[in-house]
């Protein structure tokens, strides 16, 4: 068995891994099965395009589609599911119809996070396939149109997968007032616990220290990020945990820098996009920067003038 295990381990490629995975599970070769599964998850964007992907059992399909660490888009998952279902229907001598495809997919279809797709992709690919029922499509279209959270009646998760980079670009950030400070406060509020991976600012902004200010105004020291020249970003290693109850980041600089203040948070959400909302409050025009990633919302209410983007991720570190 060890010789067979070694041979199969050396044979793992994108166009063989799914078959080897099923063989490893059948013969209870746990280590080999784990290696195959890890390969599929890490390389899902390419593995899902291979014909060998159709050799997965429905049980394996559900397990893979449910994984938080998939590194491919939900549209890729949907297209892979359709290809798998078409092949399954043909192997069972069934007509390839939306109804039969849904039946062979079973619970695997519910593992696809449709609310995280763009409205354009959903309309062009999912809606046209007729795999989802009319009521399901109505609920999802309502989510896209209303720019909010999916209805509680929706069975599909809207939570981004743990390894997904959540990028909040902030080019030409405008505010009501600019001041010069040597203490930059990036005010971030998050609806879920998130890890801050990096933020982009020019290297000349020398960082002296970083603090997290909690809801009781207590200052908690954090590790100073390292500047990466290739990305022009300050990177936290490991990523910095920001809790939904304490998400104010205070970056102390060695010199004065311009800071733009943006006042008054207001809730405005939409799929992975950025919106300005103009409000007239006491004769002052207010611009709010709000980002939505499915169930996760990020508010940026204060930021340095030269800040370009913030990068977040979910998951454990």
C-alpha atoms as a PDB file:
ATOM      1  CA  UNK A   1       0.000   0.000   0.000  1.00  0.00           C
ATOM      2  CA  UNK A   2       2.868   2.392   0.784  1.00  0.00           C
ATOM      3  CA  UNK A   3       4.275   1.916  -2.735  1.00  0.00           C
ATOM      4  CA  UNK A   4       0.849   2.638  -4.224  1.00  0.00           C
ATOM      5  CA  UNK A   5       0.466   5.671  -1.944  1.00  0.00           C
ATOM      6  CA  UNK A   6       3.849   7.008  -3.031  1.00  0.00           C
ATOM      7  CA  UNK A   7       3.084   6.473  -6.723  1.00  0.00           C
ATOM      8  CA  UNK A   8      -0.304   8.184  -6.499  1.00  0.00           C
ATOM      9  CA  UNK A   9       1.141  11.081  -4.485  1.00  0.00           C
ATOM     10  CA  UNK A  10       3.678  11.695  -7.233  1.00  0.00           C
ATOM     11  CA  UNK A  11       0.896  11.557  -9.826  1.00  0.00           C
ATOM     12  CA  UNK A  12      -1.170  14.412  -8.405  1.00  0.00           C
ATOM     13  CA  UNK A  13      -1.797  17.044 -11.076  1.00  0.00           C
ATOM     14  CA  UNK A  14      -4.741  19.240 -11.958  1.00  0.00           C
ATOM     15  CA  UNK A  15      -6.135  16.701 -14.422  1.00  0.00           C
ATOM     16  CA  UNK A  16      -5.717  13.657 -12.127  1.00  0.00           C
ATOM     17  CA  UNK A  17      -6.248  14.901  -8.570  1.00  0.00           C
ATOM     18  CA  UNK A  18     -10.008  14.323  -8.384  1.00  0.00           C
ATOM     19  CA  UNK A  19      -9.776  10.681  -9.487  1.00  0.00           C
ATOM     20  CA  UNK A  20      -6.893  10.052  -7.073  1.00  0.00           C
ATOM     21  CA  UNK A  21      -8.865  11.754  -4.312  1.00  0.00           C
ATOM     22  CA  UNK A  22     -11.817   9.402  -4.770  1.00  0.00           C
ATOM     23  CA  UNK A  23      -9.507   6.356  -4.886  1.00  0.00           C
ATOM     24  CA  UNK A  24      -7.746   7.484  -1.715  1.00  0.00           C
ATOM     25  CA  UNK A  25     -11.064   7.859   0.096  1.00  0.00           C
ATOM     26  CA  UNK A  26     -12.284   4.467  -1.140  1.00  0.00           C
ATOM     27  CA  UNK A  27      -9.142   2.678   0.099  1.00  0.00           C
ATOM     28  CA  UNK A  28      -9.033   4.725   3.322  1.00  0.00           C
ATOM     29  CA  UNK A  29      -5.676   6.311   2.486  1.00  0.00           C
ATOM     30  CA  UNK A  30      -6.174   9.301   4.754  1.00  0.00           C
ATOM     31  CA  UNK A  31      -2.876  11.123   4.175  1.00  0.00           C
ATOM     32  CA  UNK A  32      -3.192  10.855   0.411  1.00  0.00           C
ATOM     33  CA  UNK A  33      -6.818  11.996   0.512  1.00  0.00           C
ATOM     34  CA  UNK A  34      -5.839  15.035   2.608  1.00  0.00           C
ATOM     35  CA  UNK A  35      -3.065  15.951   0.173  1.00  0.00           C
ATOM     36  CA  UNK A  36      -5.480  15.701  -2.748  1.00  0.00           C
ATOM     37  CA  UNK A  37      -8.130  17.754  -1.010  1.00  0.00           C
ATOM     38  CA  UNK A  38      -5.614  20.462  -0.132  1.00  0.00           C
ATOM     39  CA  UNK A  39      -4.424  20.529  -3.759  1.00  0.00           C
ATOM     40  CA  UNK A  40      -8.009  20.915  -5.022  1.00  0.00           C
ATOM     41  CA  UNK A  41      -8.792  23.750  -2.590  1.00  0.00           C
ATOM     42  CA  UNK A  42      -5.577  25.638  -3.324  1.00  0.00           C
ATOM     43  CA  UNK A  43      -5.855  25.217  -7.094  1.00  0.00           C
ATOM     44  CA  UNK A  44      -9.641  25.238  -7.445  1.00  0.00           C
ATOM     45  CA  UNK A  45      -9.699  27.847 -10.228  1.00  0.00           C
ATOM     46  CA  UNK A  46      -7.816  25.474 -12.555  1.00  0.00           C
ATOM     47  CA  UNK A  47      -8.913  22.084 -11.162  1.00  0.00           C
ATOM     48  CA  UNK A  48     -12.592  22.956 -11.635  1.00  0.00           C
ATOM     49  CA  UNK A  49     -11.965  23.431 -15.369  1.00  0.00           C
ATOM     50  CA  UNK A  50     -10.565  19.917 -15.845  1.00  0.00           C
ATOM     51  CA  UNK A  51     -12.680  17.033 -17.118  1.00  0.00           C
ATOM     52  CA  UNK A  52     -11.390  14.981 -14.174  1.00  0.00           C
ATOM     53  CA  UNK A  53     -13.432  17.256 -11.878  1.00  0.00           C
ATOM     54  CA  UNK A  54     -16.571  15.402 -13.002  1.00  0.00           C
ATOM     55  CA  UNK A  55     -15.201  12.229 -11.350  1.00  0.00           C
ATOM     56  CA  UNK A  56     -15.884  13.632  -7.898  1.00  0.00           C
ATOM     57  CA  UNK A  57     -18.835  12.100  -6.063  1.00  0.00           C
ATOM     58  CA  UNK A  58     -21.663  14.379  -4.966  1.00  0.00           C
ATOM     59  CA  UNK A  59     -20.493  13.927  -1.374  1.00  0.00           C
ATOM     60  CA  UNK A  60     -17.042  15.206  -2.337  1.00  0.00           C
ATOM     61  CA  UNK A  61     -18.572  18.036  -4.357  1.00  0.00           C
ATOM     62  CA  UNK A  62     -20.519  19.239  -1.317  1.00  0.00           C
ATOM     63  CA  UNK A  63     -17.418  18.981   0.865  1.00  0.00           C
ATOM     64  CA  UNK A  64     -15.252  20.959  -1.586  1.00  0.00           C
ATOM     65  CA  UNK A  65     -17.851  23.665  -2.328  1.00  0.00           C
ATOM     66  CA  UNK A  66     -18.402  24.153   1.428  1.00  0.00           C
ATOM     67  CA  UNK A  67     -14.741  24.869   2.159  1.00  0.00           C
ATOM     68  CA  UNK A  68     -14.042  28.383   3.468  1.00  0.00           C
ATOM     69  CA  UNK A  69     -10.614  28.482   1.822  1.00  0.00           C
ATOM     70  CA  UNK A  70     -11.608  28.038  -1.822  1.00  0.00           C
ATOM     71  CA  UNK A  71      -9.545  30.459  -3.899  1.00  0.00           C
ATOM     72  CA  UNK A  72     -11.903  30.902  -6.809  1.00  0.00           C
ATOM     73  CA  UNK A  73     -14.988  32.982  -7.497  1.00  0.00           C
ATOM     74  CA  UNK A  74     -18.567  31.877  -6.949  1.00  0.00           C
ATOM     75  CA  UNK A  75     -19.123  32.169 -10.710  1.00  0.00           C
ATOM     76  CA  UNK A  76     -16.348  29.605 -11.250  1.00  0.00           C
ATOM     77  CA  UNK A  77     -18.048  27.339  -8.703  1.00  0.00           C
ATOM     78  CA  UNK A  78     -21.394  27.676 -10.467  1.00  0.00           C
ATOM     79  CA  UNK A  79     -19.947  26.891 -13.905  1.00  0.00           C
ATOM     80  CA  UNK A  80     -18.091  23.886 -12.457  1.00  0.00           C
ATOM     81  CA  UNK A  81     -21.300  22.664 -10.808  1.00  0.00           C
ATOM     82  CA  UNK A  82     -23.172  22.934 -14.121  1.00  0.00           C
ATOM     83  CA  UNK A  83     -20.477  20.958 -15.950  1.00  0.00           C
ATOM     84  CA  UNK A  84     -20.471  18.312 -13.224  1.00  0.00           C
ATOM     85  CA  UNK A  85     -24.292  18.079 -13.342  1.00  0.00           C
ATOM     86  CA  UNK A  86     -24.400  17.776 -17.139  1.00  0.00           C
ATOM     87  CA  UNK A  87     -21.908  14.908 -17.031  1.00  0.00           C
ATOM     88  CA  UNK A  88     -23.791  13.244 -14.168  1.00  0.00           C
ATOM     89  CA  UNK A  89     -27.051  13.380 -16.145  1.00  0.00           C
ATOM     90  CA  UNK A  90     -25.388  11.862 -19.225  1.00  0.00           C
ATOM     91  CA  UNK A  91     -23.802   9.046 -17.186  1.00  0.00           C
ATOM     92  CA  UNK A  92     -27.230   8.227 -15.756  1.00  0.00           C
ATOM     93  CA  UNK A  93     -28.934   8.383 -19.172  1.00  0.00           C
ATOM     94  CA  UNK A  94     -31.022  11.352 -18.107  1.00  0.00           C
ATOM     95  CA  UNK A  95     -31.953  14.312 -20.254  1.00  0.00           C
ATOM     96  CA  UNK A  96     -29.803  17.343 -19.500  1.00  0.00           C
ATOM     97  CA  UNK A  97     -32.514  19.657 -18.224  1.00  0.00           C
ATOM     98  CA  UNK A  98     -32.382  22.299 -15.466  1.00  0.00           C
ATOM     99  CA  UNK A  99     -34.624  20.127 -13.294  1.00  0.00           C
ATOM    100  CA  UNK A 100     -32.461  17.012 -13.681  1.00  0.00           C
ATOM    101  CA  UNK A 101     -29.258  19.007 -13.196  1.00  0.00           C
ATOM    102  CA  UNK A 102     -30.590  20.422  -9.942  1.00  0.00           C
ATOM    103  CA  UNK A 103     -31.660  16.969  -8.786  1.00  0.00           C
ATOM    104  CA  UNK A 104     -28.216  15.425  -9.331  1.00  0.00           C
ATOM    105  CA  UNK A 105     -26.516  18.384  -7.622  1.00  0.00           C
ATOM    106  CA  UNK A 106     -28.744  18.180  -4.562  1.00  0.00           C
ATOM    107  CA  UNK A 107     -27.273  20.043  -1.565  1.00  0.00           C
ATOM    108  CA  UNK A 108     -24.141  20.954  -3.541  1.00  0.00           C
ATOM    109  CA  UNK A 109     -26.065  23.798  -5.195  1.00  0.00           C
ATOM    110  CA  UNK A 110     -26.744  25.402  -1.806  1.00  0.00           C
ATOM    111  CA  UNK A 111     -22.995  25.580  -1.150  1.00  0.00           C
ATOM    112  CA  UNK A 112     -22.554  28.170  -3.910  1.00  0.00           C
ATOM    113  CA  UNK A 113     -22.685  31.701  -2.506  1.00  0.00           C
ATOM    114  CA  UNK A 114     -24.816  33.372  -5.166  1.00  0.00           C
ATOM    115  CA  UNK A 115     -25.245  36.672  -3.227  1.00  0.00           C
ATOM    116  CA  UNK A 116     -21.502  37.285  -3.627  1.00  0.00           C
ATOM    117  CA  UNK A 117     -21.738  37.329  -7.416  1.00  0.00           C
ATOM    118  CA  UNK A 118     -22.140  40.544  -9.336  1.00  0.00           C
ATOM    119  CA  UNK A 119     -25.645  41.306 -10.592  1.00  0.00           C
ATOM    120  CA  UNK A 120     -24.297  41.105 -14.150  1.00  0.00           C
ATOM    121  CA  UNK A 121     -22.824  37.615 -13.732  1.00  0.00           C
ATOM    122  CA  UNK A 122     -25.914  36.356 -11.949  1.00  0.00           C
ATOM    123  CA  UNK A 123     -28.168  37.646 -14.729  1.00  0.00           C
ATOM    124  CA  UNK A 124     -25.979  36.412 -17.582  1.00  0.00           C
ATOM    125  CA  UNK A 125     -25.127  32.942 -16.295  1.00  0.00           C
ATOM    126  CA  UNK A 126     -27.255  31.825 -13.341  1.00  0.00           C
ATOM    127  CA  UNK A 127     -30.625  33.249 -14.311  1.00  0.00           C
ATOM    128  CA  UNK A 128     -30.271  32.039 -17.902  1.00  0.00           C
ATOM    129  CA  UNK A 129     -29.607  28.461 -16.742  1.00  0.00           C
ATOM    130  CA  UNK A 130     -32.984  28.141 -14.950  1.00  0.00           C
ATOM    131  CA  UNK A 131     -31.398  25.868 -12.342  1.00  0.00           C
ATOM    132  CA  UNK A 132     -32.654  28.106  -9.552  1.00  0.00           C
ATOM    133  CA  UNK A 133     -36.385  28.334  -9.001  1.00  0.00           C
ATOM    134  CA  UNK A 134     -38.291  31.525  -9.788  1.00  0.00           C
ATOM    135  CA  UNK A 135     -38.764  32.407  -6.071  1.00  0.00           C
ATOM    136  CA  UNK A 136     -35.034  31.906  -5.439  1.00  0.00           C
ATOM    137  CA  UNK A 137     -34.147  34.179  -8.339  1.00  0.00           C
ATOM    138  CA  UNK A 138     -36.574  36.848  -7.142  1.00  0.00           C
ATOM    139  CA  UNK A 139     -34.985  36.863  -3.667  1.00  0.00           C
ATOM    140  CA  UNK A 140     -31.501  37.182  -5.131  1.00  0.00           C
ATOM    141  CA  UNK A 141     -32.465  39.872  -7.614  1.00  0.00           C
ATOM    142  CA  UNK A 142     -34.063  41.765  -4.726  1.00  0.00           C
ATOM    143  CA  UNK A 143     -30.720  41.530  -2.916  1.00  0.00           C
ATOM    144  CA  UNK A 144     -28.861  42.986  -5.919  1.00  0.00           C
ATOM    145  CA  UNK A 145     -31.395  45.753  -6.524  1.00  0.00           C
ATOM    146  CA  UNK A 146     -31.888  46.806  -2.902  1.00  0.00           C
ATOM    147  CA  UNK A 147     -28.122  46.825  -2.284  1.00  0.00           C
ATOM    148  CA  UNK A 148     -28.524  45.209   1.104  1.00  0.00           C
ATOM    149  CA  UNK A 149     -28.362  41.920   2.896  1.00  0.00           C
ATOM    150  CA  UNK A 150     -30.104  38.878   1.396  1.00  0.00           C
ATOM    151  CA  UNK A 151     -33.513  38.085   2.790  1.00  0.00           C
ATOM    152  CA  UNK A 152     -33.662  35.646   5.700  1.00  0.00           C
ATOM    153  CA  UNK A 153     -35.666  33.458   3.335  1.00  0.00           C
ATOM    154  CA  UNK A 154     -32.605  33.114   1.081  1.00  0.00           C
ATOM    155  CA  UNK A 155     -30.840  29.767   1.592  1.00  0.00           C
ATOM    156  CA  UNK A 156     -27.541  30.869   0.073  1.00  0.00           C
ATOM    157  CA  UNK A 157     -24.740  32.280   2.208  1.00  0.00           C
ATOM    158  CA  UNK A 158     -23.585  35.855   1.648  1.00  0.00           C
ATOM    159  CA  UNK A 159     -20.473  35.584   3.824  1.00  0.00           C
ATOM    160  CA  UNK A 160     -17.199  35.952   1.865  1.00  0.00           C
ATOM    161  CA  UNK A 161     -14.923  32.949   2.092  1.00  0.00           C
ATOM    162  CA  UNK A 162     -12.132  33.216   4.631  1.00  0.00           C
ATOM    163  CA  UNK A 163      -9.277  33.595   2.138  1.00  0.00           C
ATOM    164  CA  UNK A 164     -10.987  36.230  -0.014  1.00  0.00           C
ATOM    165  CA  UNK A 165      -9.160  39.556  -0.182  1.00  0.00           C
ATOM    166  CA  UNK A 166     -11.605  42.320   0.720  1.00  0.00           C
ATOM    167  CA  UNK A 167     -10.157  45.452  -0.855  1.00  0.00           C
ATOM    168  CA  UNK A 168     -11.487  48.918  -0.037  1.00  0.00           C
ATOM    169  CA  UNK A 169      -9.952  51.370  -2.545  1.00  0.00           C
ATOM    170  CA  UNK A 170      -9.922  54.966  -1.370  1.00  0.00           C
ATOM    171  CA  UNK A 171      -8.540  57.068  -4.259  1.00  0.00           C
ATOM    172  CA  UNK A 172      -8.978  60.828  -4.064  1.00  0.00           C
ATOM    173  CA  UNK A 173     -10.720  60.555  -0.722  1.00  0.00           C
ATOM    174  CA  UNK A 174     -12.571  63.799  -0.048  1.00  0.00           C
ATOM    175  CA  UNK A 175     -13.522  65.250   3.276  1.00  0.00           C
ATOM    176  CA  UNK A 176     -14.769  68.416   4.901  1.00  0.00           C
ATOM    177  CA  UNK A 177     -11.420  69.507   6.295  1.00  0.00           C
ATOM    178  CA  UNK A 178      -7.698  68.839   5.954  1.00  0.00           C
ATOM    179  CA  UNK A 179      -5.328  69.166   8.906  1.00  0.00           C
ATOM    180  CA  UNK A 180      -1.640  68.428   9.425  1.00  0.00           C
ATOM    181  CA  UNK A 181      -0.884  65.887  12.146  1.00  0.00           C
ATOM    182  CA  UNK A 182       1.870  63.496  13.110  1.00  0.00           C
ATOM    183  CA  UNK A 183      -0.754  61.113  14.381  1.00  0.00           C
ATOM    184  CA  UNK A 184      -2.887  59.535  11.663  1.00  0.00           C
ATOM    185  CA  UNK A 185      -6.144  57.963  12.738  1.00  0.00           C
ATOM    186  CA  UNK A 186      -7.657  55.540  10.265  1.00  0.00           C
ATOM    187  CA  UNK A 187     -11.161  55.181  11.618  1.00  0.00           C
ATOM    188  CA  UNK A 188     -12.575  51.872  10.477  1.00  0.00           C
ATOM    189  CA  UNK A 189     -15.796  50.281  11.623  1.00  0.00           C
ATOM    190  CA  UNK A 190     -16.595  46.705  10.642  1.00  0.00           C
ATOM    191  CA  UNK A 191     -19.745  44.639  10.944  1.00  0.00           C
ATOM    192  CA  UNK A 192     -17.763  41.405  11.476  1.00  0.00           C
ATOM    193  CA  UNK A 193     -14.383  40.576  12.968  1.00  0.00           C
ATOM    194  CA  UNK A 194     -11.792  41.073  10.223  1.00  0.00           C
ATOM    195  CA  UNK A 195      -8.036  40.916   9.835  1.00  0.00           C
ATOM    196  CA  UNK A 196      -6.347  43.964   8.352  1.00  0.00           C
ATOM    197  CA  UNK A 197      -3.710  42.616   5.963  1.00  0.00           C
ATOM    198  CA  UNK A 198      -2.259  45.878   4.656  1.00  0.00           C
ATOM    199  CA  UNK A 199      -2.827  49.502   3.773  1.00  0.00           C
ATOM    200  CA  UNK A 200      -1.229  51.479   0.948  1.00  0.00           C
ATOM    201  CA  UNK A 201       0.630  54.715   1.620  1.00  0.00           C
ATOM    202  CA  UNK A 202       3.891  56.190   0.274  1.00  0.00           C
ATOM    203  CA  UNK A 203       7.103  55.031   1.997  1.00  0.00           C
ATOM    204  CA  UNK A 204       7.981  58.557   3.116  1.00  0.00           C
ATOM    205  CA  UNK A 205       5.291  58.188   5.751  1.00  0.00           C
ATOM    206  CA  UNK A 206       7.523  56.744   8.487  1.00  0.00           C
ATOM    207  CA  UNK A 207       5.440  54.814  11.036  1.00  0.00           C
ATOM    208  CA  UNK A 208       6.530  55.104  14.648  1.00  0.00           C
ATOM    209  CA  UNK A 209       3.841  52.998  16.311  1.00  0.00           C
ATOM    210  CA  UNK A 210       0.380  51.520  15.800  1.00  0.00           C
ATOM    211  CA  UNK A 211      -2.402  51.397  18.364  1.00  0.00           C
ATOM    212  CA  UNK A 212      -5.905  49.972  18.356  1.00  0.00           C
ATOM    213  CA  UNK A 213      -8.369  52.087  20.318  1.00  0.00           C
ATOM    214  CA  UNK A 214     -11.220  50.024  21.737  1.00  0.00           C
ATOM    215  CA  UNK A 215     -14.765  51.078  22.591  1.00  0.00           C
ATOM    216  CA  UNK A 216     -13.610  52.248  26.047  1.00  0.00           C
ATOM    217  CA  UNK A 217     -10.867  54.442  24.522  1.00  0.00           C
ATOM    218  CA  UNK A 218      -8.159  52.108  25.776  1.00  0.00           C
ATOM    219  CA  UNK A 219      -5.044  52.039  23.594  1.00  0.00           C
ATOM    220  CA  UNK A 220      -3.794  48.559  22.684  1.00  0.00           C
ATOM    221  CA  UNK A 221      -0.301  48.412  21.107  1.00  0.00           C
ATOM    222  CA  UNK A 222      -0.038  46.526  17.812  1.00  0.00           C
ATOM    223  CA  UNK A 223       2.922  45.369  15.763  1.00  0.00           C
ATOM    224  CA  UNK A 224       4.225  48.007  13.345  1.00  0.00           C
ATOM    225  CA  UNK A 225       3.642  46.942   9.718  1.00  0.00           C
ATOM    226  CA  UNK A 226       6.528  46.446   7.302  1.00  0.00           C
ATOM    227  CA  UNK A 227       6.697  48.454   4.084  1.00  0.00           C
ATOM    228  CA  UNK A 228       6.740  46.283   0.928  1.00  0.00           C
ATOM    229  CA  UNK A 229       8.217  48.172  -1.996  1.00  0.00           C
ATOM    230  CA  UNK A 230       6.710  45.911  -4.679  1.00  0.00           C
ATOM    231  CA  UNK A 231       3.156  46.715  -3.574  1.00  0.00           C
ATOM    232  CA  UNK A 232       3.797  50.151  -2.010  1.00  0.00           C
ATOM    233  CA  UNK A 233       1.951  48.865   1.039  1.00  0.00           C
ATOM    234  CA  UNK A 234       2.489  48.556   4.762  1.00  0.00           C
ATOM    235  CA  UNK A 235       1.861  44.875   5.519  1.00  0.00           C
ATOM    236  CA  UNK A 236       0.922  43.416   8.904  1.00  0.00           C
ATOM    237  CA  UNK A 237       2.563  40.058   9.648  1.00  0.00           C
ATOM    238  CA  UNK A 238       0.531  38.426  11.015  1.00  0.00           C
ATOM    239  CA  UNK A 239      -2.566  40.364   9.902  1.00  0.00           C
ATOM    240  CA  UNK A 240      -4.063  42.635  12.542  1.00  0.00           C
ATOM    241  CA  UNK A 241      -7.366  41.550  14.065  1.00  0.00           C
ATOM    242  CA  UNK A 242     -10.018  44.267  14.114  1.00  0.00           C
ATOM    243  CA  UNK A 243     -13.086  43.385  16.141  1.00  0.00           C
ATOM    244  CA  UNK A 244     -16.485  44.748  15.264  1.00  0.00           C
ATOM    245  CA  UNK A 245     -16.546  46.410  18.708  1.00  0.00           C
ATOM    246  CA  UNK A 246     -13.099  47.995  18.472  1.00  0.00           C
ATOM    247  CA  UNK A 247     -12.020  49.053  15.025  1.00  0.00           C
ATOM    248  CA  UNK A 248     -10.195  52.368  15.353  1.00  0.00           C
ATOM    249  CA  UNK A 249      -6.632  52.212  14.126  1.00  0.00           C
ATOM    250  CA  UNK A 250      -4.200  54.891  15.289  1.00  0.00           C
ATOM    251  CA  UNK A 251      -0.977  55.166  13.267  1.00  0.00           C
ATOM    252  CA  UNK A 252       1.691  57.420  14.776  1.00  0.00           C
ATOM    253  CA  UNK A 253       4.087  58.951  12.266  1.00  0.00           C
ATOM    254  CA  UNK A 254       7.521  60.502  12.641  1.00  0.00           C
ATOM    255  CA  UNK A 255       6.500  63.655  10.796  1.00  0.00           C
ATOM    256  CA  UNK A 256       3.490  65.772   9.930  1.00  0.00           C
ATOM    257  CA  UNK A 257       1.142  64.572   7.220  1.00  0.00           C
ATOM    258  CA  UNK A 258      -2.174  65.731   5.809  1.00  0.00           C
ATOM    259  CA  UNK A 259      -5.266  63.985   7.111  1.00  0.00           C
ATOM    260  CA  UNK A 260      -8.761  64.235   5.675  1.00  0.00           C
ATOM    261  CA  UNK A 261     -11.631  63.933   8.106  1.00  0.00           C
ATOM    262  CA  UNK A 262     -14.905  62.424   6.940  1.00  0.00           C
ATOM    263  CA  UNK A 263     -17.761  62.972   9.320  1.00  0.00           C
ATOM    264  CA  UNK A 264     -20.933  61.068  10.160  1.00  0.00           C
ATOM    265  CA  UNK A 265     -21.225  57.386   9.404  1.00  0.00           C
ATOM    266  CA  UNK A 266     -24.289  56.211   7.496  1.00  0.00           C
ATOM    267  CA  UNK A 267     -25.190  52.738   6.342  1.00  0.00           C
ATOM    268  CA  UNK A 268     -25.085  52.188   2.605  1.00  0.00           C
ATOM    269  CA  UNK A 269     -24.271  48.775   1.169  1.00  0.00           C
ATOM    270  CA  UNK A 270     -23.749  47.155  -2.210  1.00  0.00           C
ATOM    271  CA  UNK A 271     -21.902  44.145  -3.580  1.00  0.00           C
ATOM    272  CA  UNK A 272     -18.156  44.699  -3.230  1.00  0.00           C
ATOM    273  CA  UNK A 273     -18.367  48.255  -4.502  1.00  0.00           C
ATOM    274  CA  UNK A 274     -17.862  51.727  -3.110  1.00  0.00           C
ATOM    275  CA  UNK A 275     -20.397  54.514  -2.917  1.00  0.00           C
ATOM    276  CA  UNK A 276     -20.449  58.110  -1.774  1.00  0.00           C
ATOM    277  CA  UNK A 277     -23.586  59.299  -0.054  1.00  0.00           C
ATOM    278  CA  UNK A 278     -24.120  63.045   0.053  1.00  0.00           C
ATOM    279  CA  UNK A 279     -26.125  64.271   3.019  1.00  0.00           C
ATOM    280  CA  UNK A 280     -27.051  67.811   3.984  1.00  0.00           C
ATOM    281  CA  UNK A 281     -26.580  68.080   7.747  1.00  0.00           C
ATOM    282  CA  UNK A 282     -26.573  71.521   9.405  1.00  0.00           C
ATOM    283  CA  UNK A 283     -25.616  73.095   6.072  1.00  0.00           C
ATOM    284  CA  UNK A 284     -22.475  70.946   5.786  1.00  0.00           C
ATOM    285  CA  UNK A 285     -22.073  68.507   2.921  1.00  0.00           C
ATOM    286  CA  UNK A 286     -20.980  65.096   4.206  1.00  0.00           C
ATOM    287  CA  UNK A 287     -19.308  62.354   2.200  1.00  0.00           C
ATOM    288  CA  UNK A 288     -19.288  58.831   3.638  1.00  0.00           C
ATOM    289  CA  UNK A 289     -17.139  55.990   2.336  1.00  0.00           C
ATOM    290  CA  UNK A 290     -18.923  52.666   2.720  1.00  0.00           C
ATOM    291  CA  UNK A 291     -17.957  49.222   1.393  1.00  0.00           C
ATOM    292  CA  UNK A 292     -20.068  46.090   1.273  1.00  0.00           C
ATOM    293  CA  UNK A 293     -18.913  42.505   0.743  1.00  0.00           C
ATOM    294  CA  UNK A 294     -22.033  40.357   1.051  1.00  0.00           C
ATOM    295  CA  UNK A 295     -22.817  40.259   4.776  1.00  0.00           C
ATOM    296  CA  UNK A 296     -19.717  42.258   5.687  1.00  0.00           C
ATOM    297  CA  UNK A 297     -19.778  46.050   5.726  1.00  0.00           C
ATOM    298  CA  UNK A 298     -16.768  48.308   6.272  1.00  0.00           C
ATOM    299  CA  UNK A 299     -17.044  52.032   7.058  1.00  0.00           C
ATOM    300  CA  UNK A 300     -14.057  54.375   6.695  1.00  0.00           C
ATOM    301  CA  UNK A 301     -14.792  57.642   8.508  1.00  0.00           C
ATOM    302  CA  UNK A 302     -11.288  59.089   8.764  1.00  0.00           C
ATOM    303  CA  UNK A 303      -8.144  58.433   6.734  1.00  0.00           C
ATOM    304  CA  UNK A 304      -4.800  59.969   5.711  1.00  0.00           C
ATOM    305  CA  UNK A 305      -4.943  61.928   2.473  1.00  0.00           C
ATOM    306  CA  UNK A 306      -2.468  59.611   0.750  1.00  0.00           C
ATOM    307  CA  UNK A 307      -4.179  56.364   1.704  1.00  0.00           C
ATOM    308  CA  UNK A 308      -4.972  54.325  -1.426  1.00  0.00           C
ATOM    309  CA  UNK A 309      -6.541  51.108  -0.168  1.00  0.00           C
ATOM    310  CA  UNK A 310      -7.138  48.840   2.808  1.00  0.00           C
ATOM    311  CA  UNK A 311      -7.000  45.053   2.428  1.00  0.00           C
ATOM    312  CA  UNK A 312      -8.885  42.748   4.800  1.00  0.00           C
ATOM    313  CA  UNK A 313      -9.442  39.011   5.168  1.00  0.00           C
ATOM    314  CA  UNK A 314     -11.590  36.774   7.318  1.00  0.00           C
ATOM    315  CA  UNK A 315     -10.464  33.511   8.887  1.00  0.00           C
ATOM    316  CA  UNK A 316      -7.968  32.348  11.520  1.00  0.00           C
ATOM    317  CA  UNK A 317      -4.273  33.257  11.518  1.00  0.00           C
END
